[in-house]
């Protein structure tokens, strides 16, 4: 089935939108007329674009937070937040082994609000986790979440006729 450019743009933007991501963009693509393989090929790679960006700028975000903690007008929020992130980074980054990355995968795989690729990428980045391992864990979790939501949506579509 042919799909118009506006629908295609909607699917792409939905797959990179925080909170919506591929887990809900793939069922949207199905409802707009794409076949399941087209929906998955379009939404899963697109939803990983923010992951690359967030993991790449994680240390810069921490530096910005540190600078903000020195500013008087945002100090009351940034300074405690910066200390919490540093403490968590010290505790977690050295102990984050295979089980931690499995946990990161499962975190993303659960299709609930604030458990998607954006949140996982930001957390992994601020905690100073290995970028490649984090990317792999997040990508696998994203695939699982998309499989769950798309599979459920497909079942509901077949039941409803």
N, C-alpha and C. Protein backbone atom coordinates (compact mmCIF):
# COMPACT_ATOMS: atom_id res chain seq x y z
N UNK A 1 0.84 -1.18 0.00
CA UNK A 1 0.00 0.00 0.00
C UNK A 1 0.88 1.24 0.00
N UNK A 2 0.49 2.22 -0.77
CA UNK A 2 1.21 3.49 -0.82
C UNK A 2 0.86 4.35 0.39
N UNK A 3 1.83 5.06 0.88
CA UNK A 3 1.60 5.95 2.01
C UNK A 3 2.08 7.34 1.61
N UNK A 4 1.33 8.35 2.00
CA UNK A 4 1.69 9.71 1.60
C UNK A 4 2.85 10.23 2.46
N UNK A 5 3.48 11.28 1.97
CA UNK A 5 4.67 11.82 2.63
C UNK A 5 4.36 12.40 4.00
N UNK A 6 3.20 12.96 4.19
CA UNK A 6 2.83 13.52 5.49
C UNK A 6 2.71 12.41 6.54
N UNK A 7 2.11 11.29 6.16
CA UNK A 7 2.01 10.15 7.08
C UNK A 7 3.39 9.59 7.40
N UNK A 8 4.24 9.53 6.39
CA UNK A 8 5.61 9.05 6.58
C UNK A 8 6.37 9.97 7.54
N UNK A 9 6.21 11.27 7.37
CA UNK A 9 6.85 12.24 8.27
C UNK A 9 6.31 12.09 9.69
N UNK A 10 5.01 11.89 9.82
CA UNK A 10 4.40 11.69 11.14
C UNK A 10 4.99 10.45 11.83
N UNK A 11 5.16 9.39 11.08
CA UNK A 11 5.73 8.15 11.65
C UNK A 11 7.17 8.39 12.09
N UNK A 12 7.96 9.05 11.26
CA UNK A 12 9.37 9.31 11.58
C UNK A 12 9.49 10.21 12.80
N UNK A 13 8.72 11.29 12.83
CA UNK A 13 8.78 12.20 13.98
C UNK A 13 8.28 11.51 15.25
N UNK A 14 7.28 10.66 15.11
CA UNK A 14 6.77 9.93 16.27
C UNK A 14 7.81 8.97 16.81
N UNK A 15 8.58 8.36 15.92
CA UNK A 15 9.56 7.37 16.38
C UNK A 15 10.74 8.01 17.08
N UNK A 16 10.98 9.30 16.89
CA UNK A 16 12.07 9.95 17.62
C UNK A 16 11.57 10.83 18.76
N UNK A 17 10.26 10.94 18.91
CA UNK A 17 9.69 11.78 19.97
C UNK A 17 9.85 11.11 21.33
N UNK A 18 10.33 11.86 22.33
CA UNK A 18 10.46 11.27 23.66
C UNK A 18 9.10 10.77 24.17
N UNK A 19 9.12 9.59 24.75
CA UNK A 19 7.90 9.03 25.30
C UNK A 19 7.06 8.24 24.30
N UNK A 20 7.16 8.57 23.05
CA UNK A 20 6.38 7.87 22.02
C UNK A 20 7.26 6.81 21.37
N UNK A 21 8.32 7.25 20.78
CA UNK A 21 9.37 6.41 20.22
C UNK A 21 8.82 5.30 19.33
N UNK A 22 9.67 4.37 18.97
CA UNK A 22 9.29 3.31 18.03
C UNK A 22 8.24 2.38 18.61
N UNK A 23 8.22 2.27 19.94
CA UNK A 23 7.26 1.35 20.56
C UNK A 23 5.82 1.71 20.24
N UNK A 24 5.55 2.97 20.00
CA UNK A 24 4.19 3.38 19.61
C UNK A 24 4.13 3.86 18.16
N UNK A 25 5.27 4.23 17.60
CA UNK A 25 5.28 4.67 16.21
C UNK A 25 5.05 3.49 15.26
N UNK A 26 5.53 2.30 15.62
CA UNK A 26 5.33 1.13 14.76
C UNK A 26 3.84 0.76 14.65
N UNK A 27 3.09 0.70 15.77
CA UNK A 27 1.65 0.48 15.63
C UNK A 27 0.96 1.61 14.87
N UNK A 28 1.44 2.84 15.05
CA UNK A 28 0.89 3.96 14.27
C UNK A 28 1.11 3.72 12.79
N UNK A 29 2.30 3.27 12.43
CA UNK A 29 2.61 2.99 11.02
C UNK A 29 1.69 1.91 10.47
N UNK A 30 1.42 0.89 11.27
CA UNK A 30 0.50 -0.17 10.84
C UNK A 30 -0.90 0.40 10.61
N UNK A 31 -1.33 1.26 11.52
CA UNK A 31 -2.67 1.83 11.38
C UNK A 31 -2.78 2.77 10.19
N UNK A 32 -1.64 3.30 9.75
CA UNK A 32 -1.64 4.19 8.58
C UNK A 32 -1.42 3.43 7.27
N UNK A 33 -1.31 2.10 7.36
CA UNK A 33 -1.28 1.31 6.14
C UNK A 33 0.03 0.63 5.78
N UNK A 34 1.08 0.81 6.58
CA UNK A 34 2.34 0.11 6.27
C UNK A 34 2.23 -1.35 6.68
N UNK A 35 2.96 -2.20 5.99
CA UNK A 35 3.06 -3.59 6.40
C UNK A 35 4.00 -3.66 7.61
N UNK A 36 3.91 -4.73 8.35
CA UNK A 36 4.66 -4.84 9.60
C UNK A 36 6.17 -4.70 9.38
N UNK A 37 6.71 -5.34 8.33
CA UNK A 37 8.16 -5.24 8.10
C UNK A 37 8.56 -3.82 7.71
N UNK A 38 7.70 -3.11 6.98
CA UNK A 38 7.98 -1.72 6.63
C UNK A 38 7.97 -0.84 7.88
N UNK A 39 7.00 -1.09 8.75
CA UNK A 39 6.90 -0.31 9.98
C UNK A 39 8.13 -0.50 10.86
N UNK A 40 8.58 -1.74 10.98
CA UNK A 40 9.74 -2.01 11.82
C UNK A 40 11.02 -1.45 11.23
N UNK A 41 11.19 -1.60 9.91
CA UNK A 41 12.39 -1.07 9.25
C UNK A 41 12.45 0.45 9.33
N UNK A 42 11.30 1.09 9.33
CA UNK A 42 11.26 2.55 9.40
C UNK A 42 11.43 3.06 10.82
N UNK A 43 10.75 2.46 11.78
CA UNK A 43 10.70 3.05 13.12
C UNK A 43 11.86 2.67 14.04
N UNK A 44 12.33 1.44 13.99
CA UNK A 44 13.37 1.04 14.94
C UNK A 44 14.68 1.80 14.72
N UNK A 45 15.24 1.82 13.51
CA UNK A 45 16.49 2.59 13.34
C UNK A 45 16.30 4.10 13.61
N UNK A 46 15.15 4.62 13.20
CA UNK A 46 14.90 6.05 13.41
C UNK A 46 14.85 6.39 14.89
N UNK A 47 14.27 5.51 15.69
CA UNK A 47 14.16 5.80 17.12
C UNK A 47 15.50 5.76 17.83
N UNK A 48 16.52 5.19 17.19
CA UNK A 48 17.84 5.13 17.82
C UNK A 48 18.68 6.38 17.56
N UNK A 49 18.22 7.26 16.69
CA UNK A 49 18.97 8.50 16.41
C UNK A 49 19.22 9.30 17.68
N UNK A 50 18.19 9.53 18.53
CA UNK A 50 18.47 10.27 19.77
C UNK A 50 19.45 9.57 20.69
N UNK A 51 19.48 8.25 20.66
CA UNK A 51 20.40 7.50 21.51
C UNK A 51 21.84 7.86 21.16
N UNK A 52 22.17 7.85 19.87
CA UNK A 52 23.52 8.23 19.43
C UNK A 52 23.87 9.64 19.91
N UNK A 53 22.93 10.56 19.74
CA UNK A 53 23.19 11.95 20.11
C UNK A 53 23.37 12.12 21.61
N UNK A 54 22.48 11.52 22.38
CA UNK A 54 22.54 11.68 23.84
C UNK A 54 23.80 11.02 24.40
N UNK A 55 24.12 9.83 23.93
CA UNK A 55 25.34 9.17 24.41
C UNK A 55 26.58 9.95 24.02
N UNK A 56 26.54 10.61 22.88
CA UNK A 56 27.70 11.38 22.42
C UNK A 56 27.92 12.66 23.23
N UNK A 57 26.85 13.26 23.73
CA UNK A 57 27.01 14.54 24.43
C UNK A 57 26.87 14.42 25.94
N UNK A 58 26.86 13.21 26.46
CA UNK A 58 26.66 12.99 27.89
C UNK A 58 27.65 13.73 28.78
N UNK A 59 28.92 13.66 28.46
CA UNK A 59 29.92 14.35 29.28
C UNK A 59 29.76 15.86 29.19
N UNK A 60 29.31 16.35 28.04
CA UNK A 60 29.07 17.79 27.90
C UNK A 60 27.88 18.21 28.78
N UNK A 61 26.87 17.34 28.87
CA UNK A 61 25.73 17.64 29.74
C UNK A 61 26.17 17.74 31.20
N UNK A 62 27.06 16.85 31.60
CA UNK A 62 27.57 16.88 32.96
C UNK A 62 28.38 18.15 33.21
N UNK A 63 29.17 18.58 32.23
CA UNK A 63 29.94 19.81 32.36
C UNK A 63 29.02 21.03 32.46
N UNK A 64 27.94 21.02 31.68
CA UNK A 64 26.97 22.12 31.75
C UNK A 64 26.31 22.15 33.12
N UNK A 65 25.94 20.98 33.63
CA UNK A 65 25.33 20.89 34.96
C UNK A 65 26.29 21.40 36.02
N UNK A 66 27.58 21.08 35.88
CA UNK A 66 28.58 21.57 36.84
C UNK A 66 28.66 23.09 36.80
N UNK A 67 28.68 23.66 35.59
CA UNK A 67 28.73 25.12 35.46
C UNK A 67 27.47 25.77 36.04
N UNK A 68 26.33 25.14 35.79
CA UNK A 68 25.07 25.68 36.31
C UNK A 68 25.04 25.63 37.83
N UNK A 69 25.72 24.65 38.43
CA UNK A 69 25.72 24.55 39.89
C UNK A 69 26.51 25.69 40.52
N UNK A 70 27.33 26.39 39.72
CA UNK A 70 28.08 27.55 40.21
C UNK A 70 27.32 28.86 40.03
N UNK A 71 26.23 28.84 39.25
CA UNK A 71 25.46 30.05 39.00
C UNK A 71 24.46 30.28 40.13
N UNK A 72 24.38 31.52 40.58
CA UNK A 72 23.52 31.84 41.72
C UNK A 72 22.04 31.58 41.45
N UNK A 73 21.55 31.92 40.28
CA UNK A 73 20.11 31.85 40.04
C UNK A 73 19.58 30.44 39.75
N UNK A 74 20.41 29.47 39.47
CA UNK A 74 19.97 28.08 39.30
C UNK A 74 20.71 27.13 40.24
N UNK A 75 21.51 27.69 41.09
CA UNK A 75 22.32 26.91 42.01
C UNK A 75 21.48 25.99 42.89
N UNK A 76 20.33 26.44 43.36
CA UNK A 76 19.52 25.67 44.30
C UNK A 76 19.01 24.37 43.69
N UNK A 77 18.93 24.29 42.36
CA UNK A 77 18.51 23.06 41.69
C UNK A 77 19.72 22.31 41.13
N UNK A 78 20.58 23.02 40.45
CA UNK A 78 21.69 22.39 39.74
C UNK A 78 22.74 21.80 40.68
N UNK A 79 23.04 22.48 41.76
CA UNK A 79 24.10 22.01 42.65
C UNK A 79 23.75 20.67 43.30
N UNK A 80 22.56 20.52 43.91
CA UNK A 80 22.23 19.19 44.47
C UNK A 80 22.13 18.12 43.39
N UNK A 81 21.59 18.47 42.26
CA UNK A 81 21.46 17.51 41.15
C UNK A 81 22.84 17.06 40.68
N UNK A 82 23.75 18.00 40.57
CA UNK A 82 25.12 17.67 40.15
C UNK A 82 25.77 16.73 41.15
N UNK A 83 25.59 17.00 42.45
CA UNK A 83 26.17 16.14 43.49
C UNK A 83 25.57 14.73 43.43
N UNK A 84 24.26 14.64 43.21
CA UNK A 84 23.60 13.34 43.12
C UNK A 84 24.13 12.55 41.92
N UNK A 85 24.27 13.23 40.79
CA UNK A 85 24.78 12.56 39.59
C UNK A 85 26.21 12.08 39.80
N UNK A 86 27.04 12.91 40.40
CA UNK A 86 28.43 12.51 40.66
C UNK A 86 28.50 11.32 41.61
N UNK A 87 27.70 11.34 42.66
CA UNK A 87 27.68 10.24 43.62
C UNK A 87 27.23 8.95 42.93
N UNK A 88 26.17 9.06 42.16
CA UNK A 88 25.65 7.88 41.44
C UNK A 88 26.68 7.37 40.44
N UNK A 89 27.34 8.29 39.77
CA UNK A 89 28.34 7.91 38.77
C UNK A 89 29.49 7.15 39.42
N UNK A 90 29.92 7.61 40.59
CA UNK A 90 31.01 6.95 41.31
C UNK A 90 30.60 5.54 41.75
N UNK A 91 29.39 5.40 42.25
CA UNK A 91 28.93 4.11 42.76
C UNK A 91 28.63 3.12 41.64
N UNK A 92 28.01 3.59 40.57
CA UNK A 92 27.47 2.70 39.55
C UNK A 92 28.47 2.33 38.47
N UNK A 93 29.21 3.29 37.95
CA UNK A 93 30.00 3.04 36.75
C UNK A 93 31.04 1.93 36.92
N UNK A 94 31.63 1.81 38.09
CA UNK A 94 32.63 0.75 38.28
C UNK A 94 31.99 -0.62 38.50
N UNK A 95 30.76 -0.65 38.97
CA UNK A 95 30.08 -1.91 39.28
C UNK A 95 29.10 -2.34 38.21
N UNK A 96 28.99 -1.59 37.15
CA UNK A 96 27.97 -1.86 36.13
C UNK A 96 28.49 -2.90 35.16
N UNK A 97 28.26 -4.15 35.48
CA UNK A 97 28.73 -5.26 34.64
C UNK A 97 27.58 -5.76 33.78
N UNK A 98 27.65 -7.00 33.36
CA UNK A 98 26.66 -7.61 32.47
C UNK A 98 25.25 -7.48 33.02
N UNK A 99 25.06 -7.73 34.29
CA UNK A 99 23.72 -7.66 34.88
C UNK A 99 23.15 -6.25 34.76
N UNK A 100 24.00 -5.26 34.86
CA UNK A 100 23.56 -3.87 34.72
C UNK A 100 23.06 -3.56 33.32
N UNK A 101 23.77 -4.08 32.33
CA UNK A 101 23.34 -3.85 30.94
C UNK A 101 22.08 -4.65 30.60
N UNK A 102 21.94 -5.82 31.21
CA UNK A 102 20.69 -6.58 31.06
C UNK A 102 19.55 -5.77 31.68
N UNK A 103 19.81 -5.17 32.84
CA UNK A 103 18.82 -4.31 33.48
C UNK A 103 18.46 -3.12 32.62
N UNK A 104 19.45 -2.53 31.98
CA UNK A 104 19.19 -1.41 31.08
C UNK A 104 18.32 -1.85 29.90
N UNK A 105 18.58 -3.04 29.38
CA UNK A 105 17.77 -3.60 28.30
C UNK A 105 16.33 -3.79 28.76
N UNK A 106 16.16 -4.38 29.93
CA UNK A 106 14.81 -4.61 30.45
C UNK A 106 14.09 -3.31 30.76
N UNK A 107 14.83 -2.31 31.22
CA UNK A 107 14.25 -0.99 31.49
C UNK A 107 13.62 -0.42 30.23
N UNK A 108 14.32 -0.51 29.12
CA UNK A 108 13.81 0.01 27.85
C UNK A 108 12.71 -0.88 27.29
N UNK A 109 12.82 -2.18 27.54
CA UNK A 109 11.87 -3.14 26.96
C UNK A 109 10.47 -3.00 27.52
N UNK A 110 10.34 -2.46 28.72
CA UNK A 110 9.02 -2.30 29.33
C UNK A 110 8.37 -1.06 28.72
N UNK A 111 7.30 -1.25 27.96
CA UNK A 111 6.69 -0.10 27.27
C UNK A 111 5.79 0.75 28.18
N UNK A 112 6.44 1.43 29.11
CA UNK A 112 5.75 2.34 30.02
C UNK A 112 6.36 3.74 29.89
N UNK A 113 5.64 4.76 30.33
CA UNK A 113 6.21 6.12 30.26
C UNK A 113 7.53 6.21 31.04
N UNK A 114 8.45 6.97 30.51
CA UNK A 114 9.77 7.23 31.10
C UNK A 114 10.66 6.01 31.18
N UNK A 115 10.40 4.99 30.36
CA UNK A 115 11.28 3.82 30.33
C UNK A 115 11.81 3.59 28.92
N UNK A 116 11.87 4.61 28.12
CA UNK A 116 12.27 4.46 26.74
C UNK A 116 13.72 4.76 26.47
N UNK A 117 14.02 4.90 25.19
CA UNK A 117 15.41 5.10 24.77
C UNK A 117 15.97 6.45 25.22
N UNK A 118 15.13 7.47 25.29
CA UNK A 118 15.60 8.78 25.74
C UNK A 118 16.07 8.73 27.18
N UNK A 119 15.23 8.19 28.06
CA UNK A 119 15.57 8.13 29.48
C UNK A 119 16.77 7.24 29.72
N UNK A 120 16.79 6.08 29.09
CA UNK A 120 17.91 5.15 29.26
C UNK A 120 19.22 5.76 28.75
N UNK A 121 19.16 6.44 27.63
CA UNK A 121 20.37 7.08 27.07
C UNK A 121 20.90 8.16 27.99
N UNK A 122 19.98 8.98 28.50
CA UNK A 122 20.39 10.05 29.40
C UNK A 122 20.99 9.47 30.68
N UNK A 123 20.34 8.45 31.22
CA UNK A 123 20.87 7.81 32.43
C UNK A 123 22.24 7.19 32.20
N UNK A 124 22.37 6.43 31.12
CA UNK A 124 23.65 5.79 30.80
C UNK A 124 24.74 6.83 30.57
N UNK A 125 24.37 7.91 29.92
CA UNK A 125 25.32 8.96 29.61
C UNK A 125 25.79 9.68 30.87
N UNK A 126 24.84 10.07 31.71
CA UNK A 126 25.21 10.79 32.94
C UNK A 126 25.97 9.89 33.91
N UNK A 127 25.69 8.59 33.89
CA UNK A 127 26.41 7.68 34.77
C UNK A 127 27.77 7.27 34.23
N UNK A 128 28.08 7.70 33.01
CA UNK A 128 29.39 7.42 32.43
C UNK A 128 29.57 5.98 32.00
N UNK A 129 28.47 5.32 31.62
CA UNK A 129 28.56 3.93 31.21
C UNK A 129 29.19 3.81 29.83
N UNK A 130 29.68 2.64 29.52
CA UNK A 130 30.29 2.38 28.22
C UNK A 130 29.27 2.66 27.12
N UNK A 131 29.64 3.50 26.17
CA UNK A 131 28.71 3.93 25.12
C UNK A 131 28.25 2.78 24.22
N UNK A 132 29.18 1.96 23.80
CA UNK A 132 28.85 0.87 22.87
C UNK A 132 27.94 -0.15 23.56
N UNK A 133 28.30 -0.53 24.77
CA UNK A 133 27.45 -1.49 25.50
C UNK A 133 26.08 -0.90 25.81
N UNK A 134 26.06 0.37 26.16
CA UNK A 134 24.77 1.03 26.43
C UNK A 134 23.93 1.08 25.18
N UNK A 135 24.54 1.43 24.06
CA UNK A 135 23.82 1.49 22.79
C UNK A 135 23.24 0.12 22.45
N UNK A 136 24.03 -0.92 22.61
CA UNK A 136 23.56 -2.27 22.32
C UNK A 136 22.41 -2.67 23.24
N UNK A 137 22.55 -2.40 24.53
CA UNK A 137 21.50 -2.74 25.49
C UNK A 137 20.21 -1.97 25.19
N UNK A 138 20.34 -0.71 24.87
CA UNK A 138 19.17 0.13 24.58
C UNK A 138 18.52 -0.32 23.28
N UNK A 139 19.32 -0.65 22.27
CA UNK A 139 18.77 -1.10 20.98
C UNK A 139 18.00 -2.41 21.14
N UNK A 140 18.55 -3.34 21.92
CA UNK A 140 17.85 -4.61 22.14
C UNK A 140 16.55 -4.38 22.91
N UNK A 141 16.62 -3.56 23.94
CA UNK A 141 15.41 -3.23 24.70
C UNK A 141 14.37 -2.55 23.84
N UNK A 142 14.82 -1.68 22.96
CA UNK A 142 13.91 -0.99 22.05
C UNK A 142 13.22 -1.98 21.12
N UNK A 143 13.99 -2.93 20.59
CA UNK A 143 13.41 -3.95 19.71
C UNK A 143 12.35 -4.78 20.46
N UNK A 144 12.65 -5.14 21.71
CA UNK A 144 11.69 -5.92 22.50
C UNK A 144 10.42 -5.12 22.75
N UNK A 145 10.57 -3.84 23.10
CA UNK A 145 9.40 -3.00 23.35
C UNK A 145 8.55 -2.86 22.10
N UNK A 146 9.20 -2.68 20.96
CA UNK A 146 8.47 -2.56 19.69
C UNK A 146 7.77 -3.87 19.36
N UNK A 147 8.46 -4.99 19.59
CA UNK A 147 7.84 -6.29 19.33
C UNK A 147 6.61 -6.50 20.21
N UNK A 148 6.70 -6.10 21.47
CA UNK A 148 5.55 -6.25 22.38
C UNK A 148 4.37 -5.39 21.94
N UNK A 149 4.62 -4.11 21.72
CA UNK A 149 3.50 -3.22 21.38
C UNK A 149 2.94 -3.51 20.00
N UNK A 150 3.80 -3.79 19.04
CA UNK A 150 3.34 -4.08 17.68
C UNK A 150 2.61 -5.42 17.63
N UNK A 151 3.14 -6.40 18.35
CA UNK A 151 2.48 -7.70 18.40
C UNK A 151 1.10 -7.59 19.03
N UNK A 152 1.01 -6.87 20.13
CA UNK A 152 -0.29 -6.68 20.79
C UNK A 152 -1.25 -5.93 19.88
N UNK A 153 -0.75 -4.91 19.21
CA UNK A 153 -1.59 -4.14 18.29
C UNK A 153 -2.08 -5.02 17.14
N UNK A 154 -1.20 -5.84 16.61
CA UNK A 154 -1.58 -6.74 15.50
C UNK A 154 -2.65 -7.74 15.95
N UNK A 155 -2.49 -8.26 17.16
CA UNK A 155 -3.49 -9.20 17.69
C UNK A 155 -4.84 -8.50 17.84
N UNK A 156 -4.81 -7.30 18.38
CA UNK A 156 -6.05 -6.53 18.54
C UNK A 156 -6.70 -6.22 17.20
N UNK A 157 -5.88 -5.91 16.20
CA UNK A 157 -6.43 -5.65 14.87
C UNK A 157 -7.10 -6.89 14.28
N UNK A 158 -6.46 -8.04 14.47
CA UNK A 158 -7.04 -9.27 13.90
C UNK A 158 -8.32 -9.68 14.64
N UNK A 159 -8.38 -9.41 15.93
CA UNK A 159 -9.60 -9.72 16.69
C UNK A 159 -10.75 -8.81 16.27
N UNK A 160 -10.43 -7.53 16.09
CA UNK A 160 -11.47 -6.54 15.76
C UNK A 160 -11.89 -6.63 14.31
N UNK A 161 -11.13 -7.35 13.52
CA UNK A 161 -11.58 -7.61 12.16
C UNK A 161 -10.96 -6.81 11.13
